[in-house]
Amino acid sequence: MRVYDIITKTRDGLELSREEIRFLIDGYTKGQIPDYQMAAWCMAVYFQGLSPQATAELTMAMVDSGEVLTWPELGDQLVDKHSTGGVGDKTTLVLLPWVAAAGVRIAKMSGRGLGHTGGTLDKLSSIPGFRFDLTRAEFLQTVAKAGLAIVGQTGNLVPADKKLYALRDVTATVDSIPLIASSIMSKKIAAGASRIVLDVKTGSGAFMEELPKAKLLAETMVDIGAKTGRRTTALVTNMDQPLGVAVGNALEVREAIETLQGNGPEDLTELCLALGAEMLVQAEKVDTPQEGRRLLLEVMDKGLPLQKFRAMVEAQGGDARVIEEPELLPQAPVCSDVTAVGSGYVTRIHTKRIGLIAMELGAGRQRIEDDIDLSAGLEVFVKVGDEIQAGQLIAKVYGPTTEAVKKAAQKIEASVEIEEHPAKPLSLILARVSR
């Protein structure tokens, strides 16, 4: 078997066999296939795509390139959730305690943020003492005690994906549906999930900005799930404006706590309800999403989700006093208001710009090894469709220096478009994909 022949078949749009895909991924992971040949294959996939079966085979070849976790102690209904990333997306912090409060045990592996989208581990790092480096025994003990645990990914999980993504990043082949889908699903499967709920973002603040491509990505991942024996459902959701109000690590933790107290932003609460209902269906706690929503509202009325969050924080070494005393979270030394320069209606929010502004303040990282400022970020108080008056508060900026905050405030003013004529509020959930 020759790599040259596999590249040629892919270039010509011919079907690859399981053996050919395994040969390619195994050889590249072990260093037996050079970068230039793998780059050529990735470019062939970029232009020709892969069949659904070949995409599923690629996913499992990547899964088997490293450690594959199993959790027999947690049963065969382990449900995981994944978001493709957005601005202000603190969903995991709200969703997992909420679903755990409804009786589903959650064992979650998360990562750090890169670029204009935040990472769950960075947000939780805002809580003094919170630990991600749990041993397997500690992880299982935390799940048993608190009902959920969130830890960092292990070093040997899907090494083929780490190597392949680094290559794609420098060869202009990141934006390929089969390669994106197999990358995401391989990590979920290798982490031990048998049931998966996906939040596929689309819009100006999302990686997949165009709705048709976001739907195709959702359909591809759901198909991979079906072909590999993992029950999978995807919601395609709107990222044409920040989710909730807060953008930035400590700020998002504070907003997540407020949401778990029943006082969170409407869009964040609604998204967590929708995703949580799907997770309850996958875990066979309910038969329909409608029943799942009712159960989630019942446990929220009893205050159980916040109890689960507190239990997780305490079990993982964090200071749970932050729930009642948010000032214990990292506090930025400088804060400034941003007010509307004119009256009218919010017609557009340049969401990616908002995320980049937060990153420039220190809330995000351009490279994975960069340090971040957990206190930095911003709050955006308006949504598309809102009517506002000149001088009205539309945002707050939190940063390390007066100069940085002033610069960010000016950029926010330019990122929120206000016009004379009304704009229609944005729909939050755009599509549901299931098999």
Protein backbone atom coordinates (compact mmCIF):
# COMPACT_ATOMS: atom_id res chain seq x y z
CA MET A 1 0.00 0.00 0.00
CA ARG A 2 1.41 3.41 -1.01
CA VAL A 3 0.51 6.87 0.28
CA TYR A 4 0.84 8.18 -3.29
CA ASP A 5 -2.01 5.94 -4.41
CA ILE A 6 -4.24 7.04 -1.51
CA ILE A 7 -3.61 10.70 -2.34
CA THR A 8 -4.41 10.03 -6.00
CA LYS A 9 -7.68 8.24 -5.18
CA THR A 10 -8.76 11.04 -2.87
CA ARG A 11 -7.84 13.69 -5.45
CA ASP A 12 -9.97 11.90 -8.04
CA GLY A 13 -12.96 11.57 -5.70
CA LEU A 14 -12.76 7.78 -5.37
CA GLU A 15 -13.84 5.85 -2.29
CA LEU A 16 -11.15 5.00 0.25
CA SER A 17 -11.23 1.68 2.05
CA ARG A 18 -11.02 1.23 5.81
CA GLU A 19 -7.56 -0.28 5.37
CA GLU A 20 -6.31 2.68 3.35
CA ILE A 21 -7.54 5.20 5.92
CA ARG A 22 -6.04 3.20 8.79
CA PHE A 23 -2.72 2.92 6.92
CA LEU A 24 -2.66 6.68 6.40
CA ILE A 25 -3.58 7.73 9.96
CA ASP A 26 -1.43 5.10 11.70
CA GLY A 27 1.57 5.91 9.53
CA TYR A 28 1.26 9.66 10.04
CA THR A 29 0.79 9.35 13.81
CA LYS A 30 3.91 7.19 14.08
CA GLY A 31 5.98 9.57 11.95
CA GLN A 32 6.30 7.14 9.04
CA ILE A 33 4.43 9.40 6.60
CA PRO A 34 5.94 12.88 6.02
CA ASP A 35 4.04 16.14 6.45
CA TYR A 36 4.19 16.98 2.74
CA GLN A 37 2.28 13.83 1.77
CA MET A 38 -0.30 14.27 4.53
CA ALA A 39 -0.71 17.93 3.54
CA ALA A 40 -1.40 16.83 -0.03
CA TRP A 41 -4.02 14.37 1.19
CA CYS A 42 -5.70 17.04 3.37
CA MET A 43 -5.87 19.38 0.38
CA ALA A 44 -7.41 16.59 -1.71
CA VAL A 45 -10.04 16.09 1.01
CA TYR A 46 -10.61 19.86 1.15
CA PHE A 47 -11.55 19.93 -2.54
CA GLN A 48 -13.13 16.49 -3.02
CA GLY A 49 -14.53 15.70 0.43
CA LEU A 50 -14.97 12.19 1.80
CA SER A 51 -17.95 9.86 1.65
CA PRO A 52 -19.99 9.45 4.86
CA GLN A 53 -18.54 5.97 5.38
CA ALA A 54 -14.96 7.15 4.84
CA THR A 55 -15.53 10.04 7.26
CA ALA A 56 -16.72 7.60 9.93
CA GLU A 57 -13.72 5.34 9.25
CA LEU A 58 -11.39 8.35 9.55
CA THR A 59 -12.98 9.24 12.89
CA MET A 60 -12.46 5.78 14.36
CA ALA A 61 -8.90 5.56 13.01
CA MET A 62 -8.17 8.77 14.88
CA VAL A 63 -9.91 7.47 18.01
CA ASP A 64 -7.72 4.35 17.97
CA SER A 65 -4.51 6.36 17.52
CA GLY A 66 -4.24 6.85 21.29
CA GLU A 67 -5.87 6.16 24.62
CA VAL A 68 -9.57 5.26 24.54
CA LEU A 69 -11.28 5.88 27.86
CA THR A 70 -14.07 3.71 29.23
CA TRP A 71 -16.18 4.34 32.30
CA PRO A 72 -17.90 1.05 33.21
CA GLU A 73 -18.41 2.41 36.71
CA LEU A 74 -20.77 5.04 35.27
CA GLY A 75 -22.88 2.67 33.17
CA ASP A 76 -23.55 2.68 29.44
CA GLN A 77 -25.52 5.94 29.27
CA LEU A 78 -22.70 8.46 29.57
CA VAL A 79 -23.89 11.64 27.87
CA ASP A 80 -21.47 14.32 26.68
CA LYS A 81 -22.08 17.77 25.25
CA HIS A 82 -19.87 19.69 22.83
CA SER A 83 -20.04 23.24 21.51
CA THR A 84 -18.16 24.33 18.40
CA GLY A 85 -17.34 27.59 20.22
CA GLY A 86 -18.69 31.08 20.41
CA VAL A 87 -18.51 34.44 22.16
CA GLY A 88 -19.81 34.44 25.72
CA ASP A 89 -20.56 30.72 25.54
CA LYS A 90 -20.57 29.68 29.19
CA THR A 91 -23.23 27.04 28.53
CA THR A 92 -21.28 24.14 30.04
CA LEU A 93 -21.09 25.86 33.43
CA VAL A 94 -24.89 26.10 33.59
CA LEU A 95 -25.98 23.10 31.58
CA LEU A 96 -24.05 20.32 33.31
CA PRO A 97 -25.13 21.09 36.91
CA TRP A 98 -28.70 21.56 35.64
CA VAL A 99 -28.75 18.17 33.90
CA ALA A 100 -26.99 16.53 36.86
CA ALA A 101 -29.74 17.93 39.10
CA ALA A 102 -32.23 16.01 36.95
CA GLY A 103 -30.48 12.73 37.80
CA VAL A 104 -27.89 12.27 35.04
CA ARG A 105 -24.28 11.67 36.05
CA ILE A 106 -21.85 13.82 34.06
CA ALA A 107 -18.16 13.04 33.48
CA LYS A 108 -16.83 15.84 31.29
CA MET A 109 -13.45 16.49 29.70
CA SER A 110 -12.95 20.07 28.51
CA GLY A 111 -10.23 22.20 26.98
CA ARG A 112 -8.83 25.69 27.08
CA GLY A 113 -9.83 28.50 24.76
CA LEU A 114 -7.97 29.69 21.68
CA GLY A 115 -8.64 32.82 19.63
CA HIS A 116 -11.89 34.72 20.12
CA THR A 117 -13.77 31.80 21.70
CA GLY A 118 -13.38 30.92 25.37
CA GLY A 119 -12.61 27.59 27.00
CA THR A 120 -14.42 25.97 29.92
CA LEU A 121 -11.20 25.24 31.82
CA ASP A 122 -10.17 28.90 31.62
CA LYS A 123 -13.51 30.01 33.01
CA LEU A 124 -13.37 27.56 35.91
CA SER A 125 -9.78 28.64 36.61
CA SER A 126 -11.35 31.86 37.87
CA ILE A 127 -12.58 29.96 40.94
CA PRO A 128 -9.76 29.93 43.52
CA GLY A 129 -8.43 26.43 44.14
CA PHE A 130 -10.45 24.65 41.44
CA ARG A 131 -8.58 21.53 40.24
CA PHE A 132 -8.74 19.88 36.81
CA ASP A 133 -5.89 17.42 37.25
CA LEU A 134 -7.86 14.71 39.02
CA THR A 135 -6.74 11.10 39.00
CA ARG A 136 -9.18 8.58 37.60
CA ALA A 137 -10.17 7.57 41.12
CA GLU A 138 -10.70 11.22 42.14
CA PHE A 139 -12.68 11.85 38.96
CA LEU A 140 -15.05 8.96 39.61
CA GLN A 141 -15.29 9.85 43.29
CA THR A 142 -16.30 13.41 42.37
CA VAL A 143 -18.96 12.17 39.95
CA ALA A 144 -20.29 9.82 42.63
CA LYS A 145 -20.32 12.55 45.28
CA ALA A 146 -21.40 15.64 43.32
CA GLY A 147 -23.12 14.06 40.32
CA LEU A 148 -20.67 15.68 37.90
CA ALA A 149 -17.02 16.51 37.34
CA ILE A 150 -15.13 18.59 34.76
CA VAL A 151 -11.46 17.84 34.10
CA GLY A 152 -8.82 18.55 31.47
CA GLN A 153 -8.19 16.22 28.56
CA THR A 154 -5.55 13.53 28.97
CA GLY A 155 -2.31 13.92 27.07
CA ASN A 156 -2.67 10.79 24.92
CA LEU A 157 -6.25 11.32 23.77
CA VAL A 158 -6.47 11.23 19.94
CA PRO A 159 -2.82 12.10 19.15
CA ALA A 160 -3.60 11.76 15.44
CA ASP A 161 -5.98 14.70 15.70
CA LYS A 162 -3.45 16.90 17.50
CA LYS A 163 -0.85 16.23 14.82
CA LEU A 164 -3.28 16.50 11.93
CA TYR A 165 -4.87 19.73 13.19
CA ALA A 166 -1.48 21.41 13.55
CA LEU A 167 -0.77 20.48 9.92
CA ARG A 168 -4.17 21.68 8.69
CA ASP A 169 -3.71 24.96 10.53
CA VAL A 170 -0.66 25.87 8.44
CA THR A 171 -1.81 24.42 5.11
CA ALA A 172 -5.18 26.22 4.72
CA THR A 173 -7.16 22.99 5.13
CA VAL A 174 -8.91 23.64 8.44
CA ASP A 175 -12.21 24.54 6.77
CA SER A 176 -13.16 21.05 5.56
CA ILE A 177 -16.40 19.48 6.83
CA PRO A 178 -15.16 15.84 6.94
CA LEU A 179 -11.94 16.87 8.70
CA ILE A 180 -13.72 19.14 11.20
CA ALA A 181 -16.40 16.55 11.95
CA SER A 182 -13.94 13.70 12.44
CA SER A 183 -11.77 15.90 14.68
CA ILE A 184 -14.65 16.79 17.00
CA MET A 185 -16.27 13.37 17.09
CA SER A 186 -13.00 11.47 17.59
CA LYS A 187 -12.35 13.38 20.82
CA LYS A 188 -15.89 12.81 22.13
CA ILE A 189 -15.75 9.08 21.35
CA ALA A 190 -12.23 8.60 22.74
CA ALA A 191 -13.32 10.30 25.98
CA GLY A 192 -15.89 7.55 26.48
CA ALA A 193 -19.19 9.13 25.47
CA SER A 194 -21.87 6.79 24.17
CA ARG A 195 -24.49 9.55 23.74
CA ILE A 196 -23.57 12.97 22.41
CA VAL A 197 -25.40 16.31 22.18
CA LEU A 198 -23.79 18.90 19.90
CA ASP A 199 -24.22 22.67 19.89
CA VAL A 200 -23.12 23.76 16.42
CA LYS A 201 -22.72 27.54 16.33
CA THR A 202 -23.27 29.64 13.24
CA GLY A 203 -23.10 33.36 12.55
CA SER A 204 -20.59 36.18 12.81
CA GLY A 205 -19.10 34.97 16.10
CA ALA A 206 -18.83 31.31 15.12
CA PHE A 207 -16.16 29.30 13.36
CA MET A 208 -18.79 28.13 10.85
CA GLU A 209 -20.34 31.48 9.89
CA GLU A 210 -22.69 30.30 7.12
CA LEU A 211 -25.88 28.49 8.14
CA PRO A 212 -25.86 25.89 5.29
CA LYS A 213 -22.30 24.84 6.19
CA ALA A 214 -23.18 24.69 9.88
CA LYS A 215 -26.14 22.43 9.09
CA LEU A 216 -23.92 20.22 6.94
CA LEU A 217 -21.39 19.95 9.77
CA ALA A 218 -24.18 19.01 12.19
CA GLU A 219 -25.54 16.39 9.79
CA THR A 220 -22.06 14.96 9.21
CA MET A 221 -21.35 14.58 12.93
CA VAL A 222 -24.75 13.03 13.61
CA ASP A 223 -24.09 10.59 10.76
CA ILE A 224 -20.69 9.70 12.25
CA GLY A 225 -22.46 9.01 15.54
CA ALA A 226 -24.97 6.73 13.85
CA LYS A 227 -22.26 4.82 11.96
CA THR A 228 -20.09 4.33 15.07
CA GLY A 229 -22.88 3.33 17.46
CA ARG A 230 -23.14 6.64 19.36
CA ARG A 231 -26.55 8.22 19.71
CA THR A 232 -26.05 11.81 18.59
CA THR A 233 -28.26 14.89 18.32
CA ALA A 234 -27.20 18.35 17.17
CA LEU A 235 -28.75 21.78 17.57
CA VAL A 236 -27.61 24.53 15.21
CA THR A 237 -27.66 27.76 17.23
CA ASN A 238 -27.21 31.44 16.48
CA MET A 239 -23.93 33.21 17.23
CA ASP A 240 -24.73 36.49 15.47
CA GLN A 241 -24.61 38.13 18.90
CA PRO A 242 -22.84 37.21 22.15
CA LEU A 243 -24.56 34.56 24.25
CA GLY A 244 -25.82 36.13 27.45
CA VAL A 245 -24.15 39.34 28.58
CA ALA A 246 -20.66 38.48 29.87
CA VAL A 247 -17.59 37.80 27.71
CA GLY A 248 -14.51 36.91 29.75
CA ASN A 249 -13.62 34.21 32.23
CA ALA A 250 -14.49 35.47 35.74
CA LEU A 251 -17.37 37.52 34.33
CA GLU A 252 -18.84 34.42 32.70
CA VAL A 253 -18.54 32.38 35.89
CA ARG A 254 -20.47 35.08 37.72
CA GLU A 255 -23.17 35.09 35.04
CA ALA A 256 -23.35 31.28 35.10
CA ILE A 257 -23.95 31.36 38.86
CA GLU A 258 -26.70 33.96 38.38
CA THR A 259 -28.29 31.72 35.77
CA LEU A 260 -28.16 28.72 38.12
CA GLN A 261 -29.94 30.92 40.66
CA GLY A 262 -32.70 31.48 38.10
CA ASN A 263 -31.67 35.06 37.31
CA GLY A 264 -29.69 34.61 34.13
CA PRO A 265 -30.08 36.14 30.65
CA GLU A 266 -33.03 34.83 28.67
CA ASP A 267 -31.01 33.51 25.72
CA LEU A 268 -28.50 31.63 27.88
CA THR A 269 -31.28 30.10 29.96
CA GLU A 270 -33.23 29.05 26.86
CA LEU A 271 -30.22 27.46 25.18
CA CYS A 272 -29.38 25.46 28.30
CA LEU A 273 -33.00 24.31 28.52
CA ALA A 274 -32.96 23.15 24.89
CA LEU A 275 -29.62 21.34 25.14
CA GLY A 276 -30.44 19.93 28.56
CA ALA A 277 -33.73 18.52 27.30
CA GLU A 278 -31.84 16.72 24.51
CA MET A 279 -29.35 15.31 27.03
CA LEU A 280 -32.17 13.98 29.19
CA VAL A 281 -33.67 12.24 26.15
CA GLN A 282 -30.28 10.72 25.29
CA ALA A 283 -29.86 9.53 28.89
CA GLU A 284 -33.37 7.97 28.72
CA LYS A 285 -34.60 10.03 31.65
CA VAL A 286 -37.48 11.27 29.50
CA ASP A 287 -39.02 10.31 26.17
CA THR A 288 -39.27 13.74 24.54
CA PRO A 289 -37.50 17.12 24.70
CA GLN A 290 -40.76 18.65 25.95
CA GLU A 291 -40.74 16.33 28.96
CA GLY A 292 -37.06 17.18 29.46
CA ARG A 293 -37.81 20.89 29.61
CA ARG A 294 -40.50 20.34 32.22
CA LEU A 295 -38.16 18.26 34.38
CA LEU A 296 -35.40 20.87 34.12
CA LEU A 297 -37.79 23.65 35.15
CA GLU A 298 -38.94 21.57 38.12
CA VAL A 299 -35.41 21.04 39.45
CA MET A 300 -34.59 24.73 38.91
CA ASP A 301 -37.62 25.72 40.99
CA LYS A 302 -36.19 23.56 43.80
CA GLY A 303 -32.74 25.19 43.58
CA LEU A 304 -31.05 21.88 42.79
CA PRO A 305 -28.77 22.98 39.89
CA LEU A 306 -26.96 25.50 42.08
CA GLN A 307 -26.52 22.82 44.73
CA LYS A 308 -24.89 20.56 42.13
CA PHE A 309 -22.55 23.36 41.02
CA ARG A 310 -21.54 24.01 44.63
CA ALA A 311 -20.94 20.30 45.23
CA MET A 312 -18.73 20.03 42.14
CA VAL A 313 -16.68 23.12 43.08
CA GLU A 314 -16.13 21.85 46.62
CA ALA A 315 -15.29 18.31 45.46
CA GLN A 316 -12.68 19.67 43.03
CA GLY A 317 -11.01 21.87 45.62
CA GLY A 318 -12.59 25.18 44.62
CA ASP A 319 -13.74 27.98 46.91
CA ALA A 320 -17.54 27.70 46.81
CA ARG A 321 -17.88 31.04 48.62
CA VAL A 322 -17.76 32.64 45.16
CA ILE A 323 -21.43 31.70 44.79
CA GLU A 324 -22.51 34.13 47.52
CA GLU A 325 -19.47 36.41 47.26
CA PRO A 326 -18.67 36.96 43.56
CA GLU A 327 -16.09 39.58 44.55
CA LEU A 328 -13.84 36.62 45.42
CA LEU A 329 -13.50 35.99 41.70
CA PRO A 330 -10.66 37.87 39.96
CA GLN A 331 -11.49 41.58 39.68
CA ALA A 332 -10.16 43.86 36.93
CA PRO A 333 -8.44 47.02 38.18
CA VAL A 334 -10.12 49.24 35.58
CA CYS A 335 -13.76 49.34 34.49
CA SER A 336 -15.47 51.74 32.09
CA ASP A 337 -18.99 52.23 30.72
CA VAL A 338 -19.84 52.34 27.02
CA THR A 339 -22.92 54.39 26.13
CA ALA A 340 -24.90 54.73 22.91
CA VAL A 341 -23.92 57.70 20.78
CA GLY A 342 -27.41 57.94 19.26
CA SER A 343 -30.98 56.68 19.54
CA GLY A 344 -32.54 53.97 17.41
CA TYR A 345 -32.54 50.20 17.12
CA VAL A 346 -29.69 47.71 17.37
CA THR A 347 -29.51 46.15 13.92
CA ARG A 348 -26.23 44.27 14.09
CA ILE A 349 -23.57 43.22 16.58
CA HIS A 350 -20.21 42.27 15.11
CA THR A 351 -19.79 39.30 17.39
CA LYS A 352 -16.37 38.10 16.29
CA ARG A 353 -15.06 41.63 16.85
CA ILE A 354 -16.49 41.52 20.38
CA GLY A 355 -14.63 38.27 21.02
CA LEU A 356 -11.40 39.71 19.62
CA ILE A 357 -11.75 42.82 21.79
CA ALA A 358 -12.03 40.58 24.86
CA MET A 359 -8.99 38.63 23.69
CA GLU A 360 -6.97 41.82 23.23
CA LEU A 361 -7.88 42.85 26.78
CA GLY A 362 -6.28 39.61 27.94
CA ALA A 363 -9.34 37.35 28.28
CA GLY A 364 -8.22 35.02 25.48
CA ARG A 365 -5.05 33.69 23.91
CA GLN A 366 -3.66 33.74 20.37
CA ARG A 367 -1.41 30.74 21.07
CA ILE A 368 -2.18 27.85 23.39
CA GLU A 369 0.86 28.64 25.56
CA ASP A 370 -0.19 32.29 26.16
CA ASP A 371 -1.19 33.43 29.64
CA ILE A 372 -4.60 35.04 30.09
CA ASP A 373 -6.07 37.64 32.43
CA LEU A 374 -8.98 35.92 34.17
CA SER A 375 -10.47 39.26 35.27
CA ALA A 376 -10.52 40.88 31.83
CA GLY A 377 -13.53 41.02 29.53
CA LEU A 378 -16.67 42.93 28.84
CA GLU A 379 -20.42 42.91 29.23
CA VAL A 380 -22.74 43.68 26.32
CA PHE A 381 -26.21 44.64 27.54
CA VAL A 382 -28.04 44.96 24.21
CA LYS A 383 -29.38 42.49 21.66
CA VAL A 384 -30.30 42.82 18.01
CA GLY A 385 -33.80 44.33 17.83
CA ASP A 386 -33.52 46.37 21.05
CA GLU A 387 -34.61 50.00 20.97
CA ILE A 388 -32.12 52.25 22.74
CA GLN A 389 -31.69 55.92 23.58
CA ALA A 390 -28.65 58.16 23.22
CA GLY A 391 -26.54 57.94 26.36
CA GLN A 392 -27.96 54.55 27.36
CA LEU A 393 -25.49 52.05 28.83
CA ILE A 394 -24.78 49.40 26.19
CA ALA A 395 -21.61 47.78 27.54
CA LYS A 396 -18.99 47.69 30.28
CA VAL A 397 -15.29 47.04 29.74
CA TYR A 398 -12.97 45.41 32.30
CA GLY A 399 -9.23 45.47 31.80
CA PRO A 400 -5.73 45.91 33.21
CA THR A 401 -5.09 49.56 32.30
CA THR A 402 -7.03 52.73 31.54
CA GLU A 403 -5.48 52.87 28.08
CA ALA A 404 -6.48 49.29 27.21
CA VAL A 405 -10.02 49.80 28.47
CA LYS A 406 -10.45 53.09 26.59
CA LYS A 407 -9.25 51.50 23.35
CA ALA A 408 -11.61 48.55 23.81
CA ALA A 409 -14.57 50.85 24.55
CA GLN A 410 -14.04 52.68 21.27
CA LYS A 411 -13.98 49.41 19.39
CA ILE A 412 -17.21 48.25 21.06
CA GLU A 413 -18.97 51.44 19.97
CA ALA A 414 -18.07 50.58 16.38
CA SER A 415 -19.16 46.95 16.81
CA VAL A 416 -22.78 47.72 17.77
CA GLU A 417 -24.71 49.15 14.82
CA ILE A 418 -27.66 51.41 15.64
CA GLU A 419 -30.09 52.48 12.92
CA GLU A 420 -33.35 54.36 12.68
CA HIS A 421 -35.53 51.48 11.55
CA PRO A 422 -36.45 48.48 13.76
CA ALA A 423 -34.67 45.15 13.33
CA LYS A 424 -36.16 41.73 13.92
CA PRO A 425 -34.84 39.92 17.03
CA LEU A 426 -32.65 36.94 16.19
CA SER A 427 -33.84 33.36 16.52
CA LEU A 428 -31.68 31.34 18.89
CA ILE A 429 -32.12 27.74 17.69
CA LEU A 430 -31.99 27.44 13.92
CA ALA A 431 -32.14 23.68 13.31
CA ARG A 432 -32.24 20.30 15.02
CA VAL A 433 -30.50 17.27 13.51
CA SER A 434 -31.06 13.75 14.79
CA ARG A 435 -31.12 10.15 13.53
